[in-house]
Protein backbone atom coordinates (compact mmCIF):
# COMPACT_ATOMS: atom_id res chain seq x y z
CA MET A 1 -8.27 16.29 -6.30
CA PRO A 2 -9.64 14.89 -9.68
CA GLU A 3 -12.41 12.39 -9.40
CA ILE A 4 -13.88 9.72 -11.68
CA THR A 5 -16.66 7.24 -11.39
CA VAL A 6 -15.87 3.43 -10.94
CA ARG A 7 -18.76 1.08 -10.61
CA GLY A 8 -21.19 3.82 -10.06
CA GLN A 9 -19.21 5.47 -7.21
CA VAL A 10 -17.05 8.55 -7.09
CA VAL A 11 -13.50 7.91 -6.63
CA GLN A 12 -11.11 10.67 -5.59
CA PHE A 13 -7.48 10.44 -6.54
CA GLN A 14 -4.20 12.29 -7.05
CA ASP A 15 -2.73 12.31 -10.48
CA SER A 16 0.42 14.07 -11.38
CA VAL A 17 -0.39 13.86 -15.11
CA LYS A 18 3.35 13.96 -16.03
CA SER A 19 4.14 12.95 -19.49
CA SER A 20 6.48 10.03 -18.56
CA ARG A 21 7.11 6.54 -19.88
CA ARG A 22 6.56 5.36 -16.44
CA ALA A 23 3.43 5.59 -14.28
CA ILE A 24 3.20 4.32 -10.65
CA VAL A 25 -0.19 3.54 -9.13
CA PHE A 26 0.08 3.57 -5.28
CA VAL A 27 -2.48 1.53 -3.31
CA HIS A 28 -2.79 2.27 0.46
CA GLY A 29 -3.33 -0.01 3.24
CA SER A 30 -5.83 -0.67 5.94
CA GLY A 31 -7.68 2.37 7.01
CA GLY A 32 -5.42 4.55 4.84
CA SER A 33 -5.97 6.93 1.95
CA HIS A 34 -3.97 8.79 -0.66
CA HIS A 35 -2.30 10.76 2.29
CA THR A 36 -0.40 7.71 3.09
CA PHE A 37 1.90 8.59 0.31
CA ARG A 38 2.23 12.12 0.87
CA ASP A 39 6.00 12.07 0.86
CA GLN A 40 6.21 9.98 -2.26
CA TRP A 41 3.86 12.50 -3.94
CA ALA A 42 6.26 15.29 -2.98
CA GLY A 43 9.52 13.42 -3.68
CA LEU A 44 8.68 11.27 -6.84
CA ARG A 45 6.22 13.15 -9.09
CA GLY A 46 8.88 14.87 -10.93
CA ALA A 47 10.35 11.72 -12.27
CA VAL A 48 7.31 9.45 -12.98
CA ARG A 49 3.61 9.82 -13.36
CA LEU A 50 1.89 9.17 -10.01
CA VAL A 51 -1.67 7.92 -9.59
CA ILE A 52 -2.77 7.55 -5.86
CA PRO A 53 -6.61 6.57 -5.38
CA ASP A 54 -8.52 6.56 -2.27
CA LEU A 55 -10.09 2.98 -2.08
CA PRO A 56 -13.84 2.71 -1.93
CA GLY A 57 -15.03 3.83 1.66
CA HIS A 58 -11.73 5.40 2.33
CA GLY A 59 -10.63 9.11 2.30
CA ARG A 60 -12.70 10.96 -0.01
CA SER A 61 -14.10 8.04 -2.21
CA GLY A 62 -17.64 6.97 -1.99
CA GLY A 63 -19.19 3.43 -1.46
CA PRO A 64 -18.63 0.96 1.29
CA PRO A 65 -15.22 -0.67 1.92
CA LEU A 66 -14.71 -3.87 -0.14
CA GLU A 67 -14.80 -7.11 1.81
CA SER A 68 -11.98 -8.95 0.40
CA VAL A 69 -8.41 -8.42 -1.03
CA ASP A 70 -9.58 -10.25 -4.18
CA ALA A 71 -12.40 -7.72 -4.55
CA CYS A 72 -10.05 -4.72 -4.12
CA ALA A 73 -7.82 -6.21 -6.98
CA ALA A 74 -10.71 -6.52 -9.26
CA TRP A 75 -11.55 -2.85 -8.40
CA VAL A 76 -8.08 -1.76 -9.11
CA VAL A 77 -8.43 -3.35 -12.66
CA ASP A 78 -11.54 -1.21 -13.17
CA PHE A 79 -9.86 1.83 -11.81
CA VAL A 80 -6.72 1.76 -14.07
CA ARG A 81 -9.02 1.26 -17.07
CA GLU A 82 -11.08 4.26 -16.10
CA VAL A 83 -7.97 6.44 -15.69
CA GLY A 84 -6.71 5.25 -19.13
CA LEU A 85 -3.39 3.62 -18.00
CA ASP A 86 -2.20 1.15 -20.51
CA ARG A 87 1.16 0.31 -18.78
CA PHE A 88 1.90 1.01 -14.98
CA ILE A 89 3.95 -0.10 -11.88
CA LEU A 90 1.65 -1.23 -9.02
CA ALA A 91 2.92 -0.18 -5.64
CA GLY A 92 1.13 -1.12 -2.52
CA HIS A 93 1.59 -0.70 1.31
CA SER A 94 0.40 -3.52 3.77
CA MET A 95 -3.06 -4.49 2.54
CA GLY A 96 -2.26 -2.35 -0.64
CA GLY A 97 0.63 -4.76 -1.22
CA ALA A 98 -1.62 -7.69 -0.94
CA ILE A 99 -3.86 -6.06 -3.43
CA ALA A 100 -0.94 -5.62 -5.68
CA LEU A 101 0.10 -9.26 -5.34
CA GLN A 102 -3.51 -10.43 -5.89
CA ALA A 103 -3.90 -8.18 -8.95
CA ALA A 104 -0.59 -9.55 -10.38
CA LEU A 105 -1.59 -13.17 -9.82
CA GLY A 106 -4.93 -12.36 -11.54
CA GLY A 107 -3.19 -11.11 -14.74
CA ILE A 108 -4.02 -7.47 -14.53
CA LYS A 109 -3.22 -6.12 -18.02
CA GLY A 110 -0.71 -3.51 -18.36
CA LEU A 111 1.42 -4.36 -15.27
CA GLU A 112 5.12 -3.64 -15.73
CA ALA A 113 6.37 -4.29 -12.16
CA LEU A 114 5.46 -4.35 -8.33
CA VAL A 115 6.67 -2.32 -5.45
CA LEU A 116 5.66 -4.15 -2.26
CA LEU A 117 6.01 -2.03 0.79
CA GLY A 118 5.59 -3.44 4.32
CA THR A 119 3.41 -6.36 3.29
CA GLY A 120 3.34 -10.13 3.01
CA ALA A 121 2.02 -13.21 1.20
CA ARG A 122 -0.34 -13.74 4.07
CA LEU A 123 -1.68 -11.15 6.47
CA ARG A 124 -3.17 -12.17 9.77
CA ILE A 125 -4.40 -9.48 12.00
CA SER A 126 -3.98 -9.77 15.76
CA PRO A 127 -7.09 -10.02 17.84
CA VAL A 128 -5.57 -7.15 20.06
CA LEU A 129 -5.85 -4.84 17.01
CA LEU A 130 -9.49 -5.91 16.09
CA ALA A 131 -10.57 -5.36 19.66
CA GLY A 132 -8.82 -2.02 20.06
CA ILE A 133 -10.37 -0.69 16.73
CA GLY A 134 -13.82 -2.20 17.50
CA GLU A 135 -14.19 -1.42 21.22
CA ARG A 136 -12.23 1.74 22.03
CA PHE A 137 -11.09 3.50 18.83
CA ARG A 138 -10.19 6.82 19.94
CA GLU A 139 -8.25 5.68 23.04
CA PHE A 140 -6.58 2.82 20.94
CA ALA A 141 -5.33 5.09 18.08
CA PRO A 142 -1.90 6.09 19.86
CA GLU A 143 -1.43 2.53 20.64
CA LEU A 144 -1.89 1.49 17.08
CA VAL A 145 0.63 4.18 15.96
CA GLY A 146 3.06 2.62 18.48
CA TRP A 147 2.62 -0.76 16.67
CA MET A 148 3.08 1.05 13.27
CA THR A 149 6.11 3.05 13.97
CA SER A 150 9.72 2.38 14.84
CA ALA A 151 11.01 3.41 18.36
CA VAL A 152 13.07 5.97 16.87
CA SER A 153 10.15 7.79 14.84
CA SER A 154 9.62 11.40 15.69
CA GLU A 155 6.76 12.51 18.01
CA LEU A 156 5.64 14.83 15.20
CA LEU A 157 5.22 11.89 12.79
CA ARG A 158 3.31 9.89 15.44
CA GLU A 159 0.84 12.75 16.07
CA ASP A 160 0.32 13.09 12.36
CA VAL A 161 -0.44 9.44 11.91
CA THR A 162 -2.62 9.41 14.91
CA ASN A 163 -4.77 12.15 13.24
CA ASP A 164 -4.85 10.07 9.96
CA ILE A 165 -6.18 7.18 11.97
CA LEU A 166 -8.73 9.21 13.75
CA SER A 167 -10.02 10.62 10.45
CA THR A 168 -10.96 7.10 9.41
CA ARG A 169 -14.10 5.24 10.33
CA PRO A 170 -13.65 2.44 12.56
CA ALA A 171 -15.87 0.35 10.20
CA ALA A 172 -13.49 0.87 7.31
CA PHE A 173 -10.49 -0.34 9.47
CA LEU A 174 -12.51 -3.48 10.48
CA ALA A 175 -13.51 -4.24 6.88
CA ASP A 176 -9.91 -4.02 5.77
CA PHE A 177 -8.62 -6.04 8.71
CA HIS A 178 -11.13 -8.80 7.97
CA ALA A 179 -10.19 -8.62 4.23
CA CYS A 180 -6.55 -9.08 5.38
CA ASN A 181 -7.42 -12.07 7.47
CA GLY A 182 -8.72 -13.79 4.46
CA PHE A 183 -5.66 -13.24 2.27
CA ASP A 184 -3.01 -15.88 1.72
CA VAL A 185 -0.99 -16.44 -1.65
CA MET A 186 2.05 -17.97 0.01
CA ASN A 187 1.84 -20.87 -2.31
CA ARG A 188 1.25 -18.81 -5.43
CA LEU A 189 4.22 -16.30 -5.42
CA GLY A 190 6.06 -18.35 -8.23
CA GLY A 191 3.32 -17.20 -10.59
CA ILE A 192 4.28 -13.66 -10.55
CA ARG A 193 6.03 -12.80 -13.80
CA VAL A 194 6.94 -9.19 -13.51
CA PRO A 195 9.99 -7.57 -11.75
CA ALA A 196 9.29 -6.88 -8.05
CA LEU A 197 10.92 -4.65 -5.43
CA VAL A 198 10.18 -5.56 -1.72
CA VAL A 199 10.71 -2.82 0.84
CA ASN A 200 10.73 -3.61 4.60
CA GLY A 201 11.49 -1.68 7.74
CA ASP A 202 13.79 -3.61 10.04
CA ASP A 203 11.71 -2.57 12.94
CA ASP A 204 8.34 -3.44 11.43
CA ARG A 205 6.27 -5.17 14.05
CA LEU A 206 3.08 -5.65 11.97
CA THR A 207 4.66 -7.29 9.00
CA PRO A 208 8.06 -8.19 10.29
CA LEU A 209 11.25 -8.40 8.06
CA LYS A 210 10.68 -12.16 7.66
CA TYR A 211 7.57 -11.41 5.61
CA GLY A 212 9.57 -9.38 3.19
CA GLU A 213 12.36 -12.04 3.11
CA TYR A 214 9.66 -14.59 2.23
CA LEU A 215 8.39 -12.47 -0.51
CA ALA A 216 11.82 -11.83 -2.01
CA ALA A 217 12.87 -15.47 -1.76
CA ASN A 218 9.74 -16.77 -3.52
CA ILE A 219 8.85 -14.16 -6.16
CA PRO A 220 11.14 -15.04 -9.05
CA GLY A 221 13.84 -12.28 -9.42
CA ALA A 222 12.49 -10.04 -6.54
CA VAL A 223 14.93 -7.67 -4.84
CA LEU A 224 14.60 -7.01 -1.09
CA LYS A 225 15.52 -3.46 0.28
CA ILE A 226 15.74 -3.14 4.05
CA ILE A 227 15.00 0.34 5.57
CA HIS A 228 16.89 0.65 8.77
CA GLY A 229 15.40 2.50 11.66
CA ALA A 230 11.86 2.21 10.18
CA GLY A 231 8.76 0.46 11.19
CA HIS A 232 5.56 -0.37 9.32
CA LEU A 233 5.35 2.99 7.82
CA ALA A 234 8.79 3.16 6.24
CA MET A 235 7.56 5.41 3.47
CA LEU A 236 6.71 8.02 6.07
CA GLU A 237 9.44 7.30 8.56
CA LYS A 238 12.26 7.21 6.06
CA PRO A 239 10.91 8.92 2.86
CA THR A 240 14.13 9.82 1.43
CA GLU A 241 15.50 6.34 1.56
CA VAL A 242 12.22 4.84 0.17
CA ASN A 243 12.05 7.22 -2.54
CA ALA A 244 15.74 6.44 -3.58
CA VAL A 245 15.17 2.75 -3.68
CA ILE A 246 11.87 3.14 -5.74
CA THR A 247 13.65 5.46 -8.15
CA SER A 248 16.55 3.05 -8.46
CA PHE A 249 14.21 0.29 -9.11
CA VAL A 250 12.25 2.13 -11.73
CA HIS A 251 15.52 3.01 -13.52
CA SER A 252 16.49 -0.58 -13.42
CA LEU A 253 13.48 -1.35 -15.60
CA ASP A 254 14.98 0.50 -18.49
CA GLY A 255 18.27 -1.61 -18.26
């Protein structure tokens, strides 16, 4: 993976470096990394340039996790500048979607559109999740996967996601969850002035479908796509469907 320095810390990221008029910057959610978007990396990089960083303190990037969604959004501003992106689509999952929303509301330069995956305008974390991560992390990981995936998801995927979780420091999860608890832009969505695609699994228990419906109803011109048979990790549970709706959305920007 390539790396750059942002704010004095090494940042590892994927970059397809494809010559394309469109670039998508994917931002992972709580406790995640670039690996969250492995199926998008495999399925979309032939069509658009993909740039997928590990946020500070996550994956292979250095530094401590940032303490708020606003701080993460400010970091994304610095990251895209260091990479040299003049125009880009910002795509985020869960906390990453909150970061994308905050960046858009903050007027990040070069933003062409948003892709909001399994996220909301306000993200409150259940005390059950905080206690599970903080007090019995290894034993809790399979339970967390149960919260994150649909009832029809394969056992192989559940094992893969469990391994992802266990590769993350509990402190990173807790920092992210506390950042999510402090996020609320429910009354500001009307200020978003770029096209937005909202993607929600119909079996998402962490950011239920009503979250996506609220985003689509309150972001001017936003489009909601419901992924049936998917939970909070629709991009991993139903990658073909998610990649198709993202591709269609990107093509619509040329219309």
